[in-house]
Every structure is written in structure tokens, then in C-alpha cells.
């Protein structure tokens, strides 16, 4: 018996292009704000008598609210059923509340990531894909921002852990021959709350006394999870692992 898979093709490409355009524009805006800071790392003046780092650390004690966003670079979503999906470049947005003392910062962060499926591969066949994946996350982060004699500019290194609601929606293949196994098992959809972790690195610097700009790299990952697939039951989806470029602003109080 040949199982015919009926797939409703949605206009994901248009949405993906619109989302990427907004993400690029937001990132560019943050970088334009940050550029004067990184171009003039002597904001404390040349006659600071070697006390630039000390001043920066002593003044750097505050509660802050941070917002940011950026691009999630293309990635692959694999399953233990022999099927994988190539994802388009996606986007991420985040907000956090935290505090800092000297070179240390701690914060609680909420973030959202999403990417559409570009193509699907299974059992030697590669065809166009449908659907999208997303992750809504709550994380606790710790940062180190040491002063390396760079004036007002500081590198930052951080890591975090928390929980993420991973969602796959209508992830499937278009154009497979009727009766092919990847088509027969249908599309993959499901939601699971899983442990998540991340690592961050970049540069930050003050725009003024109340505003700090930053840009950098972020790695975000979740362990594998089981999702229900029509006609195939439970399928193991390997962890979501993303690489992202981001820019953000911190408002100090």
C-alpha cells in the first residue's frame, strides 16, 4: 500500500527574509551606536595617570537591564531515524536583568530563537524542506569583564544554564516519491522543555554614563529530546546547537 503524503507548503521563505532583514537592521543599529565607543577608547583622557582601569572598575557597580538580538547561523537538525533538516539562518532576541560589581556580572535572561527549514535529507535523498524550529529559554548567566589596559573597552566572557522550550513545527520534506520512508512517517512536530546551556564572548564599552553597547558571539545548545512523529511514534531529535552573532545595549541604573 502506497502512503501518499499531503503537505501544505507555506510561504516560509518570505517570512524568513523579512525576519532576517529586521535582525540585520537591529544588529547594525546597535553596532552604529557602539562604533564611537570602540573608536575612542581613551574616553577617560590621556592624563589619567594610569588609573583608567581602577576608575572604570570602581564606577562599574550597578543594576542594569539589557536588550539585544542578532543572527543565528545556519545549522542542521538531526534525528535518530536517519533524517536530518538543514536550517536557514535564523534570528534571536533577548532581554536580561542583572547586576555587576567590578569585572563580574550576573543576570537572569529570557531569549527566543527561530529558524525555518531549508532542506531535508534522508536515506540518500535531499529535497526541499518545510517547517521551523524555535527555542524559548530562561537562563542564569555569569560574565567576567576584565580590564586589559584597553581604556573604556572591555572584552567579556560568559556562560549560562537554564531551561528551554524546544519546538519543532511541521518539519518535513517536499517532493519525495510516494512510498519513500521519510515521506511515509509524515512531518515532525512537538514541544519539549529541556535543559539548555550557552557560552558568550565579545567586546563592550560605555556610550555614556548610563548606556553600554556590546557585540559578540554566542553558542547555545540543548540536549536531545523525543518528539512524536505520525506513523512512526517517538523519534529522537538530537540537541539543538546554534552559533550566533549578536549586538546589544545595557541600561545602567
C-alpha atoms as a PDB file:
ATOM      1  CA  UNK A   1       0.000   0.000   0.000  1.00  0.00           C
ATOM      2  CA  UNK A   2       1.489   3.311  -1.028  1.00  0.00           C
ATOM      3  CA  UNK A   3       1.085   6.075   1.516  1.00  0.00           C
ATOM      4  CA  UNK A   4       0.593   9.477  -0.113  1.00  0.00           C
ATOM      5  CA  UNK A   5       1.813  12.359   1.980  1.00  0.00           C
ATOM      6  CA  UNK A   6      -0.113  15.605   1.604  1.00  0.00           C
ATOM      7  CA  UNK A   7       1.928  18.596   2.613  1.00  0.00           C
ATOM      8  CA  UNK A   8       0.711  22.178   2.786  1.00  0.00           C
ATOM      9  CA  UNK A   9       3.579  24.322   1.573  1.00  0.00           C
ATOM     10  CA  UNK A  10       3.683  27.549   3.480  1.00  0.00           C
ATOM     11  CA  UNK A  11       5.436  30.689   2.465  1.00  0.00           C
ATOM     12  CA  UNK A  12       8.327  30.326   4.922  1.00  0.00           C
ATOM     13  CA  UNK A  13      10.901  31.907   2.580  1.00  0.00           C
ATOM     14  CA  UNK A  14       9.145  35.273   2.615  1.00  0.00           C
ATOM     15  CA  UNK A  15       8.842  35.247   6.412  1.00  0.00           C
ATOM     16  CA  UNK A  16      12.467  34.170   6.801  1.00  0.00           C
ATOM     17  CA  UNK A  17      13.665  37.022   4.552  1.00  0.00           C
ATOM     18  CA  UNK A  18      11.606  39.566   6.490  1.00  0.00           C
ATOM     19  CA  UNK A  19      12.851  38.280   9.857  1.00  0.00           C
ATOM     20  CA  UNK A  20      16.479  38.287   8.711  1.00  0.00           C
ATOM     21  CA  UNK A  21      16.146  41.857   7.409  1.00  0.00           C
ATOM     22  CA  UNK A  22      14.802  43.062  10.770  1.00  0.00           C
ATOM     23  CA  UNK A  23      17.550  41.200  12.632  1.00  0.00           C
ATOM     24  CA  UNK A  24      20.309  42.645  10.446  1.00  0.00           C
ATOM     25  CA  UNK A  25      18.881  46.144  10.828  1.00  0.00           C
ATOM     26  CA  UNK A  26      18.698  45.833  14.630  1.00  0.00           C
ATOM     27  CA  UNK A  27      22.227  44.482  14.825  1.00  0.00           C
ATOM     28  CA  UNK A  28      23.553  47.228  12.567  1.00  0.00           C
ATOM     29  CA  UNK A  29      21.835  49.892  14.678  1.00  0.00           C
ATOM     30  CA  UNK A  30      23.490  48.609  17.845  1.00  0.00           C
ATOM     31  CA  UNK A  31      26.881  48.499  16.126  1.00  0.00           C
ATOM     32  CA  UNK A  32      26.467  52.087  14.900  1.00  0.00           C
ATOM     33  CA  UNK A  33      25.806  53.161  18.472  1.00  0.00           C
ATOM     34  CA  UNK A  34      28.807  51.167  19.686  1.00  0.00           C
ATOM     35  CA  UNK A  35      31.249  52.329  16.986  1.00  0.00           C
ATOM     36  CA  UNK A  36      32.164  55.699  18.516  1.00  0.00           C
ATOM     37  CA  UNK A  37      32.921  53.907  21.786  1.00  0.00           C
ATOM     38  CA  UNK A  38      35.331  51.409  20.267  1.00  0.00           C
ATOM     39  CA  UNK A  39      36.905  54.021  18.023  1.00  0.00           C
ATOM     40  CA  UNK A  40      37.695  56.258  21.032  1.00  0.00           C
ATOM     41  CA  UNK A  41      38.916  54.025  23.819  1.00  0.00           C
ATOM     42  CA  UNK A  42      40.561  56.967  25.604  1.00  0.00           C
ATOM     43  CA  UNK A  43      37.322  58.400  26.994  1.00  0.00           C
ATOM     44  CA  UNK A  44      38.951  58.902  30.388  1.00  0.00           C
ATOM     45  CA  UNK A  45      41.537  61.200  28.870  1.00  0.00           C
ATOM     46  CA  UNK A  46      45.276  60.794  28.310  1.00  0.00           C
ATOM     47  CA  UNK A  47      46.170  62.431  31.654  1.00  0.00           C
ATOM     48  CA  UNK A  48      44.609  59.669  33.741  1.00  0.00           C
ATOM     49  CA  UNK A  49      47.944  58.803  35.429  1.00  0.00           C
ATOM     50  CA  UNK A  50      47.476  55.068  34.897  1.00  0.00           C
ATOM     51  CA  UNK A  51      44.233  54.963  36.913  1.00  0.00           C
ATOM     52  CA  UNK A  52      41.913  54.240  33.975  1.00  0.00           C
ATOM     53  CA  UNK A  53      41.321  50.606  34.911  1.00  0.00           C
ATOM     54  CA  UNK A  54      40.798  51.439  38.599  1.00  0.00           C
ATOM     55  CA  UNK A  55      38.319  54.181  37.784  1.00  0.00           C
ATOM     56  CA  UNK A  56      36.436  52.019  35.351  1.00  0.00           C
ATOM     57  CA  UNK A  57      36.136  49.207  37.902  1.00  0.00           C
ATOM     58  CA  UNK A  58      35.099  51.470  40.783  1.00  0.00           C
ATOM     59  CA  UNK A  59      32.394  53.130  38.680  1.00  0.00           C
ATOM     60  CA  UNK A  60      31.192  49.819  37.249  1.00  0.00           C
ATOM     61  CA  UNK A  61      28.728  48.887  40.014  1.00  0.00           C
ATOM     62  CA  UNK A  62      25.081  48.995  39.043  1.00  0.00           C
ATOM     63  CA  UNK A  63      21.839  47.221  38.366  1.00  0.00           C
ATOM     64  CA  UNK A  64      21.087  47.036  34.641  1.00  0.00           C
ATOM     65  CA  UNK A  65      18.527  45.995  32.054  1.00  0.00           C
ATOM     66  CA  UNK A  66      19.870  44.579  28.779  1.00  0.00           C
ATOM     67  CA  UNK A  67      18.271  44.050  25.371  1.00  0.00           C
ATOM     68  CA  UNK A  68      19.805  42.540  22.255  1.00  0.00           C
ATOM     69  CA  UNK A  69      19.404  40.475  19.156  1.00  0.00           C
ATOM     70  CA  UNK A  70      21.221  39.037  16.206  1.00  0.00           C
ATOM     71  CA  UNK A  71      21.606  36.260  13.678  1.00  0.00           C
ATOM     72  CA  UNK A  72      21.560  32.532  14.338  1.00  0.00           C
ATOM     73  CA  UNK A  73      23.819  30.946  11.708  1.00  0.00           C
ATOM     74  CA  UNK A  74      22.559  28.047   9.597  1.00  0.00           C
ATOM     75  CA  UNK A  75      22.665  24.664  11.273  1.00  0.00           C
ATOM     76  CA  UNK A  76      21.491  21.056  10.968  1.00  0.00           C
ATOM     77  CA  UNK A  77      18.776  19.305  12.948  1.00  0.00           C
ATOM     78  CA  UNK A  78      19.397  15.541  13.098  1.00  0.00           C
ATOM     79  CA  UNK A  79      17.233  12.636  14.206  1.00  0.00           C
ATOM     80  CA  UNK A  80      17.975   9.023  15.054  1.00  0.00           C
ATOM     81  CA  UNK A  81      15.546   7.959  12.295  1.00  0.00           C
ATOM     82  CA  UNK A  82      18.115   8.682   9.576  1.00  0.00           C
ATOM     83  CA  UNK A  83      16.545  12.010   8.628  1.00  0.00           C
ATOM     84  CA  UNK A  84      18.037  15.492   9.057  1.00  0.00           C
ATOM     85  CA  UNK A  85      16.979  19.037   8.237  1.00  0.00           C
ATOM     86  CA  UNK A  86      19.186  21.915   7.094  1.00  0.00           C
ATOM     87  CA  UNK A  87      18.032  25.188   8.647  1.00  0.00           C
ATOM     88  CA  UNK A  88      18.196  28.677   7.185  1.00  0.00           C
ATOM     89  CA  UNK A  89      19.924  31.462   9.070  1.00  0.00           C
ATOM     90  CA  UNK A  90      17.515  32.480  11.817  1.00  0.00           C
ATOM     91  CA  UNK A  91      17.206  35.214  14.390  1.00  0.00           C
ATOM     92  CA  UNK A  92      17.353  35.645  18.149  1.00  0.00           C
ATOM     93  CA  UNK A  93      16.114  38.291  20.571  1.00  0.00           C
ATOM     94  CA  UNK A  94      16.888  38.536  24.277  1.00  0.00           C
ATOM     95  CA  UNK A  95      16.332  40.620  27.398  1.00  0.00           C
ATOM     96  CA  UNK A  96      18.012  40.388  30.793  1.00  0.00           C
ATOM     97  CA  UNK A  97      18.082  41.951  34.256  1.00  0.00           C
ATOM     98  CA  UNK A  98      21.286  41.802  36.250  1.00  0.00           C
ATOM     99  CA  UNK A  99      23.881  43.470  38.383  1.00  0.00           C
ATOM    100  CA  UNK A 100      27.644  43.927  38.296  1.00  0.00           C
ATOM    101  CA  UNK A 101      30.450  44.545  40.765  1.00  0.00           C
ATOM    102  CA  UNK A 102      33.829  45.328  39.251  1.00  0.00           C
ATOM    103  CA  UNK A 103      34.609  42.842  36.487  1.00  0.00           C
ATOM    104  CA  UNK A 104      31.806  40.391  37.420  1.00  0.00           C
ATOM    105  CA  UNK A 105      28.233  40.429  36.134  1.00  0.00           C
ATOM    106  CA  UNK A 106      25.346  38.134  36.957  1.00  0.00           C
ATOM    107  CA  UNK A 107      21.951  38.174  35.280  1.00  0.00           C
ATOM    108  CA  UNK A 108      18.696  36.401  34.560  1.00  0.00           C
ATOM    109  CA  UNK A 109      17.935  36.265  30.830  1.00  0.00           C
ATOM    110  CA  UNK A 110      14.987  35.437  28.617  1.00  0.00           C
ATOM    111  CA  UNK A 111      15.595  34.683  24.921  1.00  0.00           C
ATOM    112  CA  UNK A 112      13.855  33.421  21.794  1.00  0.00           C
ATOM    113  CA  UNK A 113      15.400  31.794  18.701  1.00  0.00           C
ATOM    114  CA  UNK A 114      13.764  30.669  15.494  1.00  0.00           C
ATOM    115  CA  UNK A 115      14.864  29.321  12.115  1.00  0.00           C
ATOM    116  CA  UNK A 116      12.990  27.898   9.117  1.00  0.00           C
ATOM    117  CA  UNK A 117      13.819  24.603   7.431  1.00  0.00           C
ATOM    118  CA  UNK A 118      15.686  24.956   4.126  1.00  0.00           C
ATOM    119  CA  UNK A 119      16.036  21.316   3.027  1.00  0.00           C
ATOM    120  CA  UNK A 120      15.580  17.764   4.287  1.00  0.00           C
ATOM    121  CA  UNK A 121      17.866  14.776   3.825  1.00  0.00           C
ATOM    122  CA  UNK A 122      17.065  11.129   4.375  1.00  0.00           C
ATOM    123  CA  UNK A 123      18.340   7.800   3.077  1.00  0.00           C
ATOM    124  CA  UNK A 124      20.393   9.369   0.306  1.00  0.00           C
ATOM    125  CA  UNK A 125      17.691  11.800  -0.831  1.00  0.00           C
ATOM    126  CA  UNK A 126      17.879  15.587  -0.479  1.00  0.00           C
ATOM    127  CA  UNK A 127      14.771  17.671  -1.145  1.00  0.00           C
ATOM    128  CA  UNK A 128      13.207  20.982  -0.143  1.00  0.00           C
ATOM    129  CA  UNK A 129      12.013  21.174   3.447  1.00  0.00           C
ATOM    130  CA  UNK A 130       9.099  22.718   5.322  1.00  0.00           C
ATOM    131  CA  UNK A 131       8.501  23.899   8.859  1.00  0.00           C
ATOM    132  CA  UNK A 132      10.547  25.674  11.510  1.00  0.00           C
ATOM    133  CA  UNK A 133      12.186  25.146  14.886  1.00  0.00           C
ATOM    134  CA  UNK A 134      12.363  27.522  17.838  1.00  0.00           C
ATOM    135  CA  UNK A 135      13.607  27.736  21.412  1.00  0.00           C
ATOM    136  CA  UNK A 136      12.144  29.940  24.165  1.00  0.00           C
ATOM    137  CA  UNK A 137      14.620  29.983  27.044  1.00  0.00           C
ATOM    138  CA  UNK A 138      15.163  31.240  30.596  1.00  0.00           C
ATOM    139  CA  UNK A 139      18.842  31.333  31.596  1.00  0.00           C
ATOM    140  CA  UNK A 140      21.065  32.369  34.510  1.00  0.00           C
ATOM    141  CA  UNK A 141      24.342  33.859  33.259  1.00  0.00           C
ATOM    142  CA  UNK A 142      27.675  34.851  34.796  1.00  0.00           C
ATOM    143  CA  UNK A 143      30.138  37.136  32.985  1.00  0.00           C
ATOM    144  CA  UNK A 144      33.732  38.200  33.515  1.00  0.00           C
ATOM    145  CA  UNK A 145      34.738  41.593  32.047  1.00  0.00           C
ATOM    146  CA  UNK A 146      38.449  42.058  32.806  1.00  0.00           C
ATOM    147  CA  UNK A 147      40.343  45.242  32.063  1.00  0.00           C
ATOM    148  CA  UNK A 148      43.372  44.646  29.836  1.00  0.00           C
ATOM    149  CA  UNK A 149      44.554  48.234  29.536  1.00  0.00           C
ATOM    150  CA  UNK A 150      42.133  48.954  26.688  1.00  0.00           C
ATOM    151  CA  UNK A 151      40.679  52.076  28.247  1.00  0.00           C
ATOM    152  CA  UNK A 152      36.890  52.029  28.296  1.00  0.00           C
ATOM    153  CA  UNK A 153      36.680  48.938  26.058  1.00  0.00           C
ATOM    154  CA  UNK A 154      36.454  45.576  27.784  1.00  0.00           C
ATOM    155  CA  UNK A 155      36.333  42.017  26.481  1.00  0.00           C
ATOM    156  CA  UNK A 156      33.738  39.795  28.111  1.00  0.00           C
ATOM    157  CA  UNK A 157      33.497  36.046  28.627  1.00  0.00           C
ATOM    158  CA  UNK A 158      30.428  34.346  29.991  1.00  0.00           C
ATOM    159  CA  UNK A 159      28.390  31.205  30.388  1.00  0.00           C
ATOM    160  CA  UNK A 160      24.918  30.262  31.453  1.00  0.00           C
ATOM    161  CA  UNK A 161      22.478  27.436  32.091  1.00  0.00           C
ATOM    162  CA  UNK A 162      18.734  27.122  32.346  1.00  0.00           C
ATOM    163  CA  UNK A 163      15.653  25.645  30.714  1.00  0.00           C
ATOM    164  CA  UNK A 164      14.434  25.932  27.113  1.00  0.00           C
ATOM    165  CA  UNK A 165      11.116  25.094  25.473  1.00  0.00           C
ATOM    166  CA  UNK A 166      12.266  23.475  22.237  1.00  0.00           C
ATOM    167  CA  UNK A 167       9.618  23.350  19.488  1.00  0.00           C
ATOM    168  CA  UNK A 168       9.604  21.723  16.058  1.00  0.00           C
ATOM    169  CA  UNK A 169       6.650  22.641  13.865  1.00  0.00           C
ATOM    170  CA  UNK A 170       5.738  20.739  10.670  1.00  0.00           C
ATOM    171  CA  UNK A 171       9.351  19.832   9.899  1.00  0.00           C
ATOM    172  CA  UNK A 172       9.194  17.659   6.790  1.00  0.00           C
ATOM    173  CA  UNK A 173      10.153  17.133   3.164  1.00  0.00           C
ATOM    174  CA  UNK A 174       8.596  18.229  -0.136  1.00  0.00           C
ATOM    175  CA  UNK A 175       8.890  16.259  -3.373  1.00  0.00           C
ATOM    176  CA  UNK A 176       9.768  12.800  -2.083  1.00  0.00           C
ATOM    177  CA  UNK A 177       8.332   9.930  -4.123  1.00  0.00           C
ATOM    178  CA  UNK A 178       5.174   8.331  -2.762  1.00  0.00           C
ATOM    179  CA  UNK A 179       6.045   5.423  -0.517  1.00  0.00           C
ATOM    180  CA  UNK A 180       9.512   6.689   0.398  1.00  0.00           C
ATOM    181  CA  UNK A 181      10.108   6.134   4.098  1.00  0.00           C
ATOM    182  CA  UNK A 182      10.813   9.773   5.057  1.00  0.00           C
ATOM    183  CA  UNK A 183       7.530  10.757   3.399  1.00  0.00           C
ATOM    184  CA  UNK A 184       5.636   7.887   4.937  1.00  0.00           C
ATOM    185  CA  UNK A 185       6.375   8.867   8.518  1.00  0.00           C
ATOM    186  CA  UNK A 186       4.971  12.374   7.994  1.00  0.00           C
ATOM    187  CA  UNK A 187       6.194  15.693   9.392  1.00  0.00           C
ATOM    188  CA  UNK A 188       7.834  16.181  12.765  1.00  0.00           C
ATOM    189  CA  UNK A 189       6.036  18.402  15.284  1.00  0.00           C
ATOM    190  CA  UNK A 190       6.347  18.651  19.031  1.00  0.00           C
ATOM    191  CA  UNK A 191       7.316  20.698  22.062  1.00  0.00           C
ATOM    192  CA  UNK A 192       9.584  19.748  24.951  1.00  0.00           C
ATOM    193  CA  UNK A 193      11.064  21.623  27.920  1.00  0.00           C
ATOM    194  CA  UNK A 194      14.744  20.673  28.163  1.00  0.00           C
ATOM    195  CA  UNK A 195      17.950  21.747  29.903  1.00  0.00           C
ATOM    196  CA  UNK A 196      19.993  24.325  27.953  1.00  0.00           C
ATOM    197  CA  UNK A 197      23.423  25.914  28.246  1.00  0.00           C
ATOM    198  CA  UNK A 198      25.383  28.630  26.455  1.00  0.00           C
ATOM    199  CA  UNK A 199      28.717  30.415  26.175  1.00  0.00           C
ATOM    200  CA  UNK A 200      29.369  34.025  25.178  1.00  0.00           C
ATOM    201  CA  UNK A 201      32.377  36.199  24.250  1.00  0.00           C
ATOM    202  CA  UNK A 202      32.758  39.689  22.806  1.00  0.00           C
ATOM    203  CA  UNK A 203      33.536  43.362  23.470  1.00  0.00           C
ATOM    204  CA  UNK A 204      31.640  46.015  25.401  1.00  0.00           C
ATOM    205  CA  UNK A 205      32.125  49.701  26.153  1.00  0.00           C
ATOM    206  CA  UNK A 206      30.214  52.697  27.546  1.00  0.00           C
ATOM    207  CA  UNK A 207      28.276  55.005  25.257  1.00  0.00           C
ATOM    208  CA  UNK A 208      27.628  57.328  28.212  1.00  0.00           C
ATOM    209  CA  UNK A 209      27.269  57.074  31.998  1.00  0.00           C
ATOM    210  CA  UNK A 210      24.040  55.090  31.701  1.00  0.00           C
ATOM    211  CA  UNK A 211      24.389  53.133  28.479  1.00  0.00           C
ATOM    212  CA  UNK A 212      26.773  50.341  27.465  1.00  0.00           C
ATOM    213  CA  UNK A 213      26.981  48.767  23.997  1.00  0.00           C
ATOM    214  CA  UNK A 214      28.269  45.284  23.223  1.00  0.00           C
ATOM    215  CA  UNK A 215      28.678  42.877  20.343  1.00  0.00           C
ATOM    216  CA  UNK A 216      29.970  39.342  20.207  1.00  0.00           C
ATOM    217  CA  UNK A 217      29.448  35.621  19.673  1.00  0.00           C
ATOM    218  CA  UNK A 218      27.063  33.212  21.418  1.00  0.00           C
ATOM    219  CA  UNK A 219      26.905  29.409  21.411  1.00  0.00           C
ATOM    220  CA  UNK A 220      23.598  27.903  22.563  1.00  0.00           C
ATOM    221  CA  UNK A 221      22.804  24.209  22.921  1.00  0.00           C
ATOM    222  CA  UNK A 222      20.203  21.766  24.251  1.00  0.00           C
ATOM    223  CA  UNK A 223      20.443  18.004  24.766  1.00  0.00           C
ATOM    224  CA  UNK A 224      18.439  15.638  22.563  1.00  0.00           C
ATOM    225  CA  UNK A 225      14.718  15.098  23.095  1.00  0.00           C
ATOM    226  CA  UNK A 226      11.953  12.731  21.917  1.00  0.00           C
ATOM    227  CA  UNK A 227       9.205  14.085  19.641  1.00  0.00           C
ATOM    228  CA  UNK A 228       6.125  12.328  18.313  1.00  0.00           C
ATOM    229  CA  UNK A 229       6.023  11.655  14.551  1.00  0.00           C
ATOM    230  CA  UNK A 230       2.858  10.463  12.742  1.00  0.00           C
ATOM    231  CA  UNK A 231       3.039   6.787  11.712  1.00  0.00           C
ATOM    232  CA  UNK A 232       6.436   6.377  13.388  1.00  0.00           C
ATOM    233  CA  UNK A 233       5.769   7.126  17.035  1.00  0.00           C
ATOM    234  CA  UNK A 234       8.538   8.648  19.143  1.00  0.00           C
ATOM    235  CA  UNK A 235      11.612   9.902  17.272  1.00  0.00           C
ATOM    236  CA  UNK A 236      14.781  11.094  18.977  1.00  0.00           C
ATOM    237  CA  UNK A 237      15.798  14.590  17.844  1.00  0.00           C
ATOM    238  CA  UNK A 238      19.406  15.362  18.636  1.00  0.00           C
ATOM    239  CA  UNK A 239      20.171  18.521  20.532  1.00  0.00           C
ATOM    240  CA  UNK A 240      19.770  21.964  19.007  1.00  0.00           C
ATOM    241  CA  UNK A 241      23.212  23.563  18.705  1.00  0.00           C
ATOM    242  CA  UNK A 242      23.434  27.121  17.385  1.00  0.00           C
ATOM    243  CA  UNK A 243      26.155  29.693  16.682  1.00  0.00           C
ATOM    244  CA  UNK A 244      25.087  33.325  16.721  1.00  0.00           C
ATOM    245  CA  UNK A 245      26.375  36.865  16.186  1.00  0.00           C
ATOM    246  CA  UNK A 246      24.729  39.462  18.405  1.00  0.00           C
ATOM    247  CA  UNK A 247      24.681  43.101  19.437  1.00  0.00           C
ATOM    248  CA  UNK A 248      23.069  44.632  22.493  1.00  0.00           C
ATOM    249  CA  UNK A 249      22.607  47.587  24.812  1.00  0.00           C
ATOM    250  CA  UNK A 250      22.725  47.683  28.630  1.00  0.00           C
ATOM    251  CA  UNK A 251      20.875  50.411  30.511  1.00  0.00           C
ATOM    252  CA  UNK A 252      22.541  51.065  33.889  1.00  0.00           C
ATOM    253  CA  UNK A 253      20.684  52.322  36.973  1.00  0.00           C
END
